[in-house]
């Protein structure tokens, strides 16, 4: 159960990060990455 949840969570992160990369500047992405890693 935990492994599947982790895989889904990683997929969600990759999709969100890809959208952020397209929408935001590189400088803001570092802050977003820090927030995501904290989550």
PDB file of N, CA and C in Angstrom:
ATOM      1  N   UNK A   1       0.840  -1.205   0.000  1.00  0.00           N
ATOM      2  CA  UNK A   1       0.000   0.000   0.000  1.00  0.00           C
ATOM      3  C   UNK A   1       0.878   1.260   0.000  1.00  0.00           C
ATOM      4  N   UNK A   2       1.864   1.269   0.872  1.00  0.00           N
ATOM      5  CA  UNK A   2       2.703   2.467   0.974  1.00  0.00           C
ATOM      6  C   UNK A   2       3.468   2.727  -0.314  1.00  0.00           C
ATOM      7  N   UNK A   3       3.946   1.653  -0.957  1.00  0.00           N
ATOM      8  CA  UNK A   3       4.727   1.834  -2.191  1.00  0.00           C
ATOM      9  C   UNK A   3       3.868   2.435  -3.289  1.00  0.00           C
ATOM     10  N   UNK A   4       2.647   1.967  -3.422  1.00  0.00           N
ATOM     11  CA  UNK A   4       1.764   2.507  -4.464  1.00  0.00           C
ATOM     12  C   UNK A   4       1.467   3.976  -4.191  1.00  0.00           C
ATOM     13  N   UNK A   5       1.248   4.314  -2.921  1.00  0.00           N
ATOM     14  CA  UNK A   5       0.969   5.708  -2.552  1.00  0.00           C
ATOM     15  C   UNK A   5       2.180   6.578  -2.874  1.00  0.00           C
ATOM     16  N   UNK A   6       3.369   6.073  -2.583  1.00  0.00           N
ATOM     17  CA  UNK A   6       4.582   6.834  -2.879  1.00  0.00           C
ATOM     18  C   UNK A   6       4.731   7.047  -4.378  1.00  0.00           C
ATOM     19  N   UNK A   7       4.421   6.032  -5.169  1.00  0.00           N
ATOM     20  CA  UNK A   7       4.514   6.162  -6.628  1.00  0.00           C
ATOM     21  C   UNK A   7       3.530   7.215  -7.127  1.00  0.00           C
ATOM     22  N   UNK A   8       2.298   7.166  -6.629  1.00  0.00           N
ATOM     23  CA  UNK A   8       1.298   8.155  -7.042  1.00  0.00           C
ATOM     24  C   UNK A   8       1.735   9.549  -6.619  1.00  0.00           C
ATOM     25  N   UNK A   9       2.302   9.655  -5.411  1.00  0.00           N
ATOM     26  CA  UNK A   9       2.748  10.946  -4.905  1.00  0.00           C
ATOM     27  C   UNK A   9       3.860  11.501  -5.789  1.00  0.00           C
ATOM     28  N   UNK A  10       4.783  10.628  -6.206  1.00  0.00           N
ATOM     29  CA  UNK A  10       5.880  11.057  -7.085  1.00  0.00           C
ATOM     30  C   UNK A  10       5.330  11.523  -8.433  1.00  0.00           C
ATOM     31  N   UNK A  11       4.332  10.820  -8.949  1.00  0.00           N
ATOM     32  CA  UNK A  11       3.727  11.209 -10.223  1.00  0.00           C
ATOM     33  C   UNK A  11       3.062  12.575 -10.094  1.00  0.00           C
ATOM     34  N   UNK A  12       2.364  12.789  -8.979  1.00  0.00           N
ATOM     35  CA  UNK A  12       1.719  14.079  -8.760  1.00  0.00           C
ATOM     36  C   UNK A  12       2.766  15.181  -8.685  1.00  0.00           C
ATOM     37  N   UNK A  13       3.864  14.899  -7.987  1.00  0.00           N
ATOM     38  CA  UNK A  13       4.929  15.900  -7.880  1.00  0.00           C
ATOM     39  C   UNK A  13       5.491  16.226  -9.254  1.00  0.00           C
ATOM     40  N   UNK A  14       5.764  15.195 -10.055  1.00  0.00           N
ATOM     41  CA  UNK A  14       6.357  15.406 -11.379  1.00  0.00           C
ATOM     42  C   UNK A  14       5.426  16.236 -12.260  1.00  0.00           C
ATOM     43  N   UNK A  15       4.127  15.955 -12.186  1.00  0.00           N
ATOM     44  CA  UNK A  15       3.171  16.715 -13.004  1.00  0.00           C
ATOM     45  C   UNK A  15       3.094  18.155 -12.537  1.00  0.00           C
ATOM     46  N   UNK A  16       3.029  18.352 -11.221  1.00  0.00           N
ATOM     47  CA  UNK A  16       2.942  19.707 -10.675  1.00  0.00           C
ATOM     48  C   UNK A  16       4.208  20.487 -11.005  1.00  0.00           C
ATOM     49  N   UNK A  17       5.369  19.842 -10.824  1.00  0.00           N
ATOM     50  CA  UNK A  17       6.636  20.521 -11.100  1.00  0.00           C
ATOM     51  C   UNK A  17       6.746  20.870 -12.578  1.00  0.00           C
ATOM     52  N   UNK A  18       6.286  19.985 -13.449  1.00  0.00           N
ATOM     53  CA  UNK A  18       6.354  20.256 -14.888  1.00  0.00           C
ATOM     54  C   UNK A  18       5.504  21.474 -15.240  1.00  0.00           C
ATOM     55  N   UNK A  19       4.323  21.570 -14.621  1.00  0.00           N
ATOM     56  CA  UNK A  19       3.456  22.730 -14.881  1.00  0.00           C
ATOM     57  C   UNK A  19       4.084  23.997 -14.336  1.00  0.00           C
ATOM     58  N   UNK A  20       4.690  23.897 -13.145  1.00  0.00           N
ATOM     59  CA  UNK A  20       5.339  25.066 -12.548  1.00  0.00           C
ATOM     60  C   UNK A  20       6.514  25.514 -13.410  1.00  0.00           C
ATOM     61  N   UNK A  21       7.252  24.548 -13.956  1.00  0.00           N
ATOM     62  CA  UNK A  21       8.388  24.887 -14.813  1.00  0.00           C
ATOM     63  C   UNK A  21       7.914  25.671 -16.031  1.00  0.00           C
ATOM     64  N   UNK A  22       6.765  25.322 -16.551  1.00  0.00           N
ATOM     65  CA  UNK A  22       6.240  26.010 -17.730  1.00  0.00           C
ATOM     66  C   UNK A  22       5.669  27.378 -17.359  1.00  0.00           C
ATOM     67  N   UNK A  23       5.175  27.519 -16.130  1.00  0.00           N
ATOM     68  CA  UNK A  23       4.456  28.738 -15.752  1.00  0.00           C
ATOM     69  C   UNK A  23       5.339  29.755 -15.033  1.00  0.00           C
ATOM     70  N   UNK A  24       6.206  29.278 -14.141  1.00  0.00           N
ATOM     71  CA  UNK A  24       6.955  30.206 -13.291  1.00  0.00           C
ATOM     72  C   UNK A  24       8.400  30.360 -13.729  1.00  0.00           C
ATOM     73  N   UNK A  25       9.071  31.357 -13.157  1.00  0.00           N
ATOM     74  CA  UNK A  25      10.488  31.578 -13.448  1.00  0.00           C
ATOM     75  C   UNK A  25      11.341  30.598 -12.654  1.00  0.00           C
ATOM     76  N   UNK A  26      12.597  30.417 -13.071  1.00  0.00           N
ATOM     77  CA  UNK A  26      13.503  29.487 -12.399  1.00  0.00           C
ATOM     78  C   UNK A  26      13.729  29.855 -10.938  1.00  0.00           C
ATOM     79  N   UNK A  27      13.764  31.154 -10.644  1.00  0.00           N
ATOM     80  CA  UNK A  27      14.038  31.592  -9.274  1.00  0.00           C
ATOM     81  C   UNK A  27      12.918  31.184  -8.337  1.00  0.00           C
ATOM     82  N   UNK A  28      11.693  31.288  -8.796  1.00  0.00           N
ATOM     83  CA  UNK A  28      10.551  30.922  -7.954  1.00  0.00           C
ATOM     84  C   UNK A  28      10.475  29.414  -7.762  1.00  0.00           C
ATOM     85  N   UNK A  29      10.936  28.664  -8.770  1.00  0.00           N
ATOM     86  CA  UNK A  29      10.850  27.198  -8.718  1.00  0.00           C
ATOM     87  C   UNK A  29      11.664  26.659  -7.545  1.00  0.00           C
ATOM     88  N   UNK A  30      12.814  27.271  -7.263  1.00  0.00           N
ATOM     89  CA  UNK A  30      13.623  26.796  -6.146  1.00  0.00           C
ATOM     90  C   UNK A  30      12.837  26.905  -4.846  1.00  0.00           C
ATOM     91  N   UNK A  31      12.094  27.999  -4.670  1.00  0.00           N
ATOM     92  CA  UNK A  31      11.280  28.160  -3.459  1.00  0.00           C
ATOM     93  C   UNK A  31      10.183  27.113  -3.419  1.00  0.00           C
ATOM     94  N   UNK A  32       9.556  26.865  -4.566  1.00  0.00           N
ATOM     95  CA  UNK A  32       8.485  25.863  -4.641  1.00  0.00           C
ATOM     96  C   UNK A  32       9.040  24.478  -4.331  1.00  0.00           C
ATOM     97  N   UNK A  33      10.232  24.182  -4.868  1.00  0.00           N
ATOM     98  CA  UNK A  33      10.858  22.882  -4.599  1.00  0.00           C
ATOM     99  C   UNK A  33      11.107  22.724  -3.108  1.00  0.00           C
ATOM    100  N   UNK A  34      11.550  23.786  -2.453  1.00  0.00           N
ATOM    101  CA  UNK A  34      11.794  23.722  -1.012  1.00  0.00           C
ATOM    102  C   UNK A  34      10.492  23.416  -0.273  1.00  0.00           C
ATOM    103  N   UNK A  35       9.397  24.056  -0.684  1.00  0.00           N
ATOM    104  CA  UNK A  35       8.101  23.804  -0.050  1.00  0.00           C
ATOM    105  C   UNK A  35       7.662  22.374  -0.281  1.00  0.00           C
ATOM    106  N   UNK A  36       7.837  21.886  -1.506  1.00  0.00           N
ATOM    107  CA  UNK A  36       7.421  20.513  -1.827  1.00  0.00           C
ATOM    108  C   UNK A  36       8.240  19.507  -1.023  1.00  0.00           C
ATOM    109  N   UNK A  37       9.545  19.765  -0.916  1.00  0.00           N
ATOM    110  CA  UNK A  37      10.398  18.841  -0.162  1.00  0.00           C
ATOM    111  C   UNK A  37      10.003  18.837   1.305  1.00  0.00           C
ATOM    112  N   UNK A  38       9.600  19.993   1.828  1.00  0.00           N
ATOM    113  CA  UNK A  38       9.149  20.058   3.222  1.00  0.00           C
ATOM    114  C   UNK A  38       7.880  19.248   3.399  1.00  0.00           C
ATOM    115  N   UNK A  39       7.021  19.255   2.345  1.00  0.00           N
ATOM    116  CA  UNK A  39       5.780  18.482   2.434  1.00  0.00           C
ATOM    117  C   UNK A  39       6.106  16.995   2.421  1.00  0.00           C
TER     118      UNK A  39
END
